Structure formats: C-alpha cells, structure tokens
Amino acid sequence: MKALGTRFKYVRKLLNKSQEELATDFSVTKQAISNIETCKCFPSIPLLYKLANDYDVNLNYLVLGKGDIFIVKEKTYQSLRETLIQEVETILNARGIK
C-alpha cells in the first residue's frame, strides 16, 4: 500500500496540483488526499475513476506500478490516422486516382 501512496503523490506532482487543488477537483478534503499519500487509506473508486477519466492516469500504474503513468491517447490517434489514410488511399486507387 505504501507504494500506491507514493505513486499517487508522484502523479499529483506531475499534474502540477497541490493537495488543496486536487482535493477541490475531487470534492474531498485536503486531509483525504494527504491520507492517501501517507498510506492511511486507499483512494475511493470514484476518485480513481476521475483520475483515469479526467486526467488520463493509467490505473495499472497507480495501483500496481505497471505500465506508463498516463494513458497514451496519442498512440490511439496515430493508429486511427494511419487507418484513415489507408482507407482513403484504397478508395482513391479504386477510382484510378493516385
């Protein structure tokens, strides 16, 4: 559990948020954030959801220490872009346009 608190604090600092700011964002007290960081309690499911959804924090990293710290949406966008380019090229080639 100690590692989770340490990772939580590290993520907060990467987000450039104070305990007060993060507490406000999550509608909890500063003490609640402090308790998570000092391993006195676990983060709640709604708090974890908000971290993942609003801040793109990878929960595998936060809870288990595995993977990237943030969800890398750029990889998803790059894959989508490549797929779209291939589809457009296929359509153009089918119409004899190069």
N, C-alpha and C. Protein backbone atom coordinates (compact mmCIF):
# COMPACT_ATOMS: atom_id res chain seq x y z
N MET A 1 0.82 -1.20 0.00
CA MET A 1 0.00 0.00 0.00
C MET A 1 0.86 1.26 0.00
N LYS A 2 2.04 1.17 0.62
CA LYS A 2 2.91 2.34 0.67
C LYS A 2 3.27 2.82 -0.72
N ALA A 3 3.53 1.89 -1.62
CA ALA A 3 3.90 2.27 -2.98
C ALA A 3 2.76 3.01 -3.68
N LEU A 4 1.51 2.61 -3.42
CA LEU A 4 0.37 3.29 -4.03
C LEU A 4 0.34 4.75 -3.58
N GLY A 5 0.54 5.00 -2.33
CA GLY A 5 0.57 6.38 -1.82
C GLY A 5 1.68 7.19 -2.44
N THR A 6 2.84 6.58 -2.57
CA THR A 6 3.99 7.24 -3.19
C THR A 6 3.69 7.56 -4.66
N ARG A 7 3.12 6.59 -5.38
CA ARG A 7 2.77 6.82 -6.80
C ARG A 7 1.68 7.89 -6.92
N PHE A 8 0.70 7.86 -6.01
CA PHE A 8 -0.37 8.85 -6.04
C PHE A 8 0.22 10.26 -5.89
N LYS A 9 1.11 10.43 -4.95
CA LYS A 9 1.75 11.73 -4.73
C LYS A 9 2.56 12.14 -5.95
N TYR A 10 3.29 11.19 -6.54
CA TYR A 10 4.09 11.47 -7.72
C TYR A 10 3.20 11.93 -8.88
N VAL A 11 2.09 11.25 -9.08
CA VAL A 11 1.15 11.63 -10.14
C VAL A 11 0.60 13.03 -9.87
N ARG A 12 0.23 13.30 -8.63
CA ARG A 12 -0.28 14.64 -8.28
C ARG A 12 0.74 15.71 -8.65
N LYS A 13 2.00 15.45 -8.34
CA LYS A 13 3.04 16.43 -8.65
C LYS A 13 3.24 16.56 -10.16
N LEU A 14 3.15 15.45 -10.90
CA LEU A 14 3.24 15.53 -12.36
C LEU A 14 2.09 16.34 -12.95
N LEU A 15 0.94 16.28 -12.30
CA LEU A 15 -0.21 17.06 -12.74
C LEU A 15 -0.09 18.52 -12.32
N ASN A 16 0.96 18.81 -11.57
CA ASN A 16 1.22 20.17 -11.09
C ASN A 16 0.06 20.69 -10.23
N LYS A 17 -0.41 19.82 -9.35
CA LYS A 17 -1.52 20.15 -8.46
C LYS A 17 -1.06 20.07 -7.02
N SER A 18 -1.53 21.01 -6.21
CA SER A 18 -1.31 20.91 -4.77
C SER A 18 -2.35 19.95 -4.20
N GLN A 19 -2.15 19.56 -2.96
CA GLN A 19 -3.15 18.71 -2.31
C GLN A 19 -4.50 19.42 -2.27
N GLU A 20 -4.47 20.72 -2.01
CA GLU A 20 -5.70 21.51 -1.95
C GLU A 20 -6.42 21.51 -3.31
N GLU A 21 -5.65 21.74 -4.37
CA GLU A 21 -6.25 21.79 -5.71
C GLU A 21 -6.86 20.44 -6.10
N LEU A 22 -6.12 19.37 -5.83
CA LEU A 22 -6.64 18.05 -6.17
C LEU A 22 -7.87 17.72 -5.32
N ALA A 23 -7.83 18.10 -4.07
CA ALA A 23 -8.98 17.88 -3.19
C ALA A 23 -10.21 18.61 -3.73
N THR A 24 -10.03 19.83 -4.17
CA THR A 24 -11.14 20.59 -4.75
C THR A 24 -11.66 19.92 -6.01
N ASP A 25 -10.75 19.48 -6.88
CA ASP A 25 -11.14 18.79 -8.12
C ASP A 25 -11.95 17.53 -7.83
N PHE A 26 -11.62 16.84 -6.74
CA PHE A 26 -12.27 15.57 -6.42
C PHE A 26 -13.39 15.71 -5.40
N SER A 27 -13.65 16.92 -4.97
CA SER A 27 -14.69 17.19 -3.96
C SER A 27 -14.45 16.40 -2.68
N VAL A 28 -13.19 16.40 -2.26
CA VAL A 28 -12.81 15.78 -0.99
C VAL A 28 -11.98 16.80 -0.21
N THR A 29 -11.61 16.45 0.99
CA THR A 29 -10.78 17.35 1.80
C THR A 29 -9.30 17.17 1.47
N LYS A 30 -8.53 18.19 1.82
CA LYS A 30 -7.08 18.09 1.67
C LYS A 30 -6.56 16.93 2.52
N GLN A 31 -7.18 16.72 3.67
CA GLN A 31 -6.78 15.63 4.56
C GLN A 31 -6.98 14.28 3.89
N ALA A 32 -8.04 14.14 3.10
CA ALA A 32 -8.27 12.88 2.38
C ALA A 32 -7.14 12.60 1.40
N ILE A 33 -6.69 13.63 0.70
CA ILE A 33 -5.56 13.46 -0.23
C ILE A 33 -4.30 13.12 0.54
N SER A 34 -4.07 13.80 1.63
CA SER A 34 -2.91 13.52 2.48
C SER A 34 -2.95 12.09 3.00
N ASN A 35 -4.12 11.63 3.41
CA ASN A 35 -4.24 10.27 3.93
C ASN A 35 -3.92 9.22 2.86
N ILE A 36 -4.29 9.49 1.62
CA ILE A 36 -3.94 8.57 0.54
C ILE A 36 -2.43 8.55 0.34
N GLU A 37 -1.83 9.75 0.31
CA GLU A 37 -0.39 9.86 0.06
C GLU A 37 0.45 9.27 1.19
N THR A 38 -0.08 9.29 2.40
CA THR A 38 0.67 8.74 3.54
C THR A 38 0.22 7.33 3.89
N CYS A 39 -0.58 6.74 2.98
CA CYS A 39 -1.00 5.34 3.08
C CYS A 39 -1.89 5.06 4.29
N LYS A 40 -2.63 6.04 4.72
CA LYS A 40 -3.58 5.82 5.81
C LYS A 40 -4.90 5.30 5.29
N CYS A 41 -5.14 5.49 3.99
CA CYS A 41 -6.36 4.94 3.38
C CYS A 41 -6.14 4.77 1.87
N PHE A 42 -7.00 3.97 1.27
CA PHE A 42 -6.98 3.78 -0.18
C PHE A 42 -7.82 4.86 -0.85
N PRO A 43 -7.48 5.21 -2.09
CA PRO A 43 -8.37 6.12 -2.82
C PRO A 43 -9.69 5.42 -3.13
N SER A 44 -10.77 6.19 -3.15
CA SER A 44 -12.08 5.62 -3.44
C SER A 44 -12.21 5.30 -4.93
N ILE A 45 -13.17 4.46 -5.25
CA ILE A 45 -13.42 4.12 -6.66
C ILE A 45 -13.78 5.37 -7.46
N PRO A 46 -14.67 6.25 -6.96
CA PRO A 46 -14.96 7.47 -7.73
C PRO A 46 -13.73 8.35 -7.96
N LEU A 47 -12.84 8.40 -6.97
CA LEU A 47 -11.62 9.18 -7.12
C LEU A 47 -10.72 8.55 -8.19
N LEU A 48 -10.57 7.24 -8.17
CA LEU A 48 -9.77 6.55 -9.18
C LEU A 48 -10.37 6.76 -10.57
N TYR A 49 -11.69 6.67 -10.65
CA TYR A 49 -12.37 6.88 -11.93
C TYR A 49 -12.08 8.28 -12.47
N LYS A 50 -12.16 9.28 -11.60
CA LYS A 50 -11.91 10.65 -12.04
C LYS A 50 -10.45 10.83 -12.47
N LEU A 51 -9.52 10.21 -11.76
CA LEU A 51 -8.11 10.28 -12.17
C LEU A 51 -7.93 9.72 -13.58
N ALA A 52 -8.55 8.58 -13.82
CA ALA A 52 -8.41 7.94 -15.14
C ALA A 52 -9.15 8.73 -16.21
N ASN A 53 -10.36 9.14 -15.92
CA ASN A 53 -11.21 9.77 -16.92
C ASN A 53 -10.82 11.22 -17.21
N ASP A 54 -10.56 11.99 -16.17
CA ASP A 54 -10.30 13.42 -16.34
C ASP A 54 -8.82 13.74 -16.55
N TYR A 55 -7.94 12.91 -16.00
CA TYR A 55 -6.51 13.21 -16.06
C TYR A 55 -5.71 12.18 -16.84
N ASP A 56 -6.38 11.19 -17.41
CA ASP A 56 -5.73 10.15 -18.22
C ASP A 56 -4.65 9.39 -17.45
N VAL A 57 -4.85 9.22 -16.14
CA VAL A 57 -3.90 8.45 -15.33
C VAL A 57 -4.17 6.96 -15.56
N ASN A 58 -3.11 6.23 -15.81
CA ASN A 58 -3.19 4.78 -16.01
C ASN A 58 -3.33 4.12 -14.63
N LEU A 59 -4.48 3.54 -14.38
CA LEU A 59 -4.72 2.93 -13.06
C LEU A 59 -3.84 1.71 -12.83
N ASN A 60 -3.41 1.03 -13.89
CA ASN A 60 -2.46 -0.07 -13.71
C ASN A 60 -1.16 0.45 -13.09
N TYR A 61 -0.73 1.62 -13.53
CA TYR A 61 0.46 2.21 -12.94
C TYR A 61 0.19 2.60 -11.49
N LEU A 62 -0.90 3.31 -11.27
CA LEU A 62 -1.17 3.84 -9.94
C LEU A 62 -1.33 2.73 -8.91
N VAL A 63 -2.10 1.72 -9.22
CA VAL A 63 -2.41 0.66 -8.25
C VAL A 63 -1.32 -0.41 -8.20
N LEU A 64 -0.84 -0.82 -9.39
CA LEU A 64 0.08 -1.95 -9.45
C LEU A 64 1.53 -1.58 -9.74
N GLY A 65 1.74 -0.35 -10.18
CA GLY A 65 3.09 0.07 -10.55
C GLY A 65 3.52 -0.46 -11.90
N LYS A 66 2.55 -0.81 -12.77
CA LYS A 66 2.88 -1.38 -14.08
C LYS A 66 2.40 -0.46 -15.20
N GLY A 67 3.23 -0.34 -16.22
CA GLY A 67 2.84 0.43 -17.39
C GLY A 67 3.20 1.90 -17.29
N ASP A 68 2.76 2.63 -18.30
CA ASP A 68 3.00 4.07 -18.35
C ASP A 68 2.17 4.78 -17.28
N ILE A 69 2.62 5.94 -16.87
CA ILE A 69 1.91 6.70 -15.85
C ILE A 69 0.59 7.23 -16.40
N PHE A 70 0.63 7.69 -17.63
CA PHE A 70 -0.57 8.24 -18.25
C PHE A 70 -1.01 7.37 -19.41
N ILE A 71 -2.30 7.38 -19.67
CA ILE A 71 -2.85 6.67 -20.82
C ILE A 71 -2.42 7.47 -22.05
N VAL A 72 -1.77 6.80 -22.96
CA VAL A 72 -1.22 7.49 -24.11
C VAL A 72 -2.25 7.48 -25.24
N LYS A 73 -3.02 8.54 -25.29
CA LYS A 73 -4.04 8.65 -26.32
C LYS A 73 -3.43 8.89 -27.69
N GLU A 74 -2.24 9.46 -27.71
CA GLU A 74 -1.58 9.75 -28.98
C GLU A 74 -1.41 8.48 -29.81
N LYS A 75 -1.10 7.36 -29.16
CA LYS A 75 -0.95 6.11 -29.88
C LYS A 75 -2.26 5.72 -30.55
N THR A 76 -3.36 5.93 -29.85
CA THR A 76 -4.68 5.61 -30.39
C THR A 76 -4.97 6.51 -31.58
N TYR A 77 -4.70 7.80 -31.46
CA TYR A 77 -4.95 8.74 -32.54
C TYR A 77 -4.06 8.43 -33.74
N GLN A 78 -2.82 8.08 -33.49
CA GLN A 78 -1.90 7.74 -34.58
C GLN A 78 -2.39 6.51 -35.33
N SER A 79 -2.85 5.51 -34.61
CA SER A 79 -3.38 4.30 -35.23
C SER A 79 -4.61 4.63 -36.07
N LEU A 80 -5.50 5.45 -35.54
CA LEU A 80 -6.70 5.86 -36.26
C LEU A 80 -6.33 6.64 -37.52
N ARG A 81 -5.38 7.52 -37.39
CA ARG A 81 -4.92 8.32 -38.54
C ARG A 81 -4.38 7.42 -39.64
N GLU A 82 -3.55 6.46 -39.27
CA GLU A 82 -2.97 5.55 -40.26
C GLU A 82 -4.06 4.73 -40.95
N THR A 83 -5.05 4.28 -40.20
CA THR A 83 -6.16 3.52 -40.77
C THR A 83 -6.94 4.38 -41.75
N LEU A 84 -7.22 5.62 -41.39
CA LEU A 84 -7.95 6.51 -42.29
C LEU A 84 -7.17 6.78 -43.57
N ILE A 85 -5.88 7.00 -43.45
CA ILE A 85 -5.05 7.24 -44.64
C ILE A 85 -5.09 6.02 -45.55
N GLN A 86 -4.99 4.84 -44.99
CA GLN A 86 -5.04 3.62 -45.80
C GLN A 86 -6.38 3.48 -46.51
N GLU A 87 -7.47 3.79 -45.81
CA GLU A 87 -8.80 3.68 -46.41
C GLU A 87 -8.97 4.69 -47.54
N VAL A 88 -8.49 5.92 -47.35
CA VAL A 88 -8.57 6.94 -48.40
C VAL A 88 -7.74 6.52 -49.60
N GLU A 89 -6.54 6.01 -49.36
CA GLU A 89 -5.70 5.54 -50.46
C GLU A 89 -6.36 4.41 -51.23
N THR A 90 -7.02 3.50 -50.52
CA THR A 90 -7.73 2.39 -51.17
C THR A 90 -8.85 2.92 -52.06
N ILE A 91 -9.61 3.88 -51.55
CA ILE A 91 -10.70 4.46 -52.33
C ILE A 91 -10.16 5.19 -53.56
N LEU A 92 -9.11 5.96 -53.38
CA LEU A 92 -8.51 6.70 -54.49
C LEU A 92 -7.96 5.74 -55.55
N ASN A 93 -7.28 4.70 -55.10
CA ASN A 93 -6.73 3.70 -56.03
C ASN A 93 -7.83 3.00 -56.79
N ALA A 94 -8.93 2.70 -56.12
CA ALA A 94 -10.06 2.03 -56.77
C ALA A 94 -10.67 2.91 -57.86
N ARG A 95 -10.54 4.22 -57.71
CA ARG A 95 -11.09 5.14 -58.70
C ARG A 95 -10.04 5.59 -59.70
N GLY A 96 -8.85 5.03 -59.57
CA GLY A 96 -7.77 5.36 -60.52
C GLY A 96 -7.10 6.68 -60.23
N ILE A 97 -7.23 7.17 -59.04
CA ILE A 97 -6.61 8.43 -58.64
C ILE A 97 -5.40 8.11 -57.76
N LYS A 98 -4.26 8.67 -58.12
CA LYS A 98 -3.05 8.42 -57.33
C LYS A 98 -2.49 9.66 -56.74
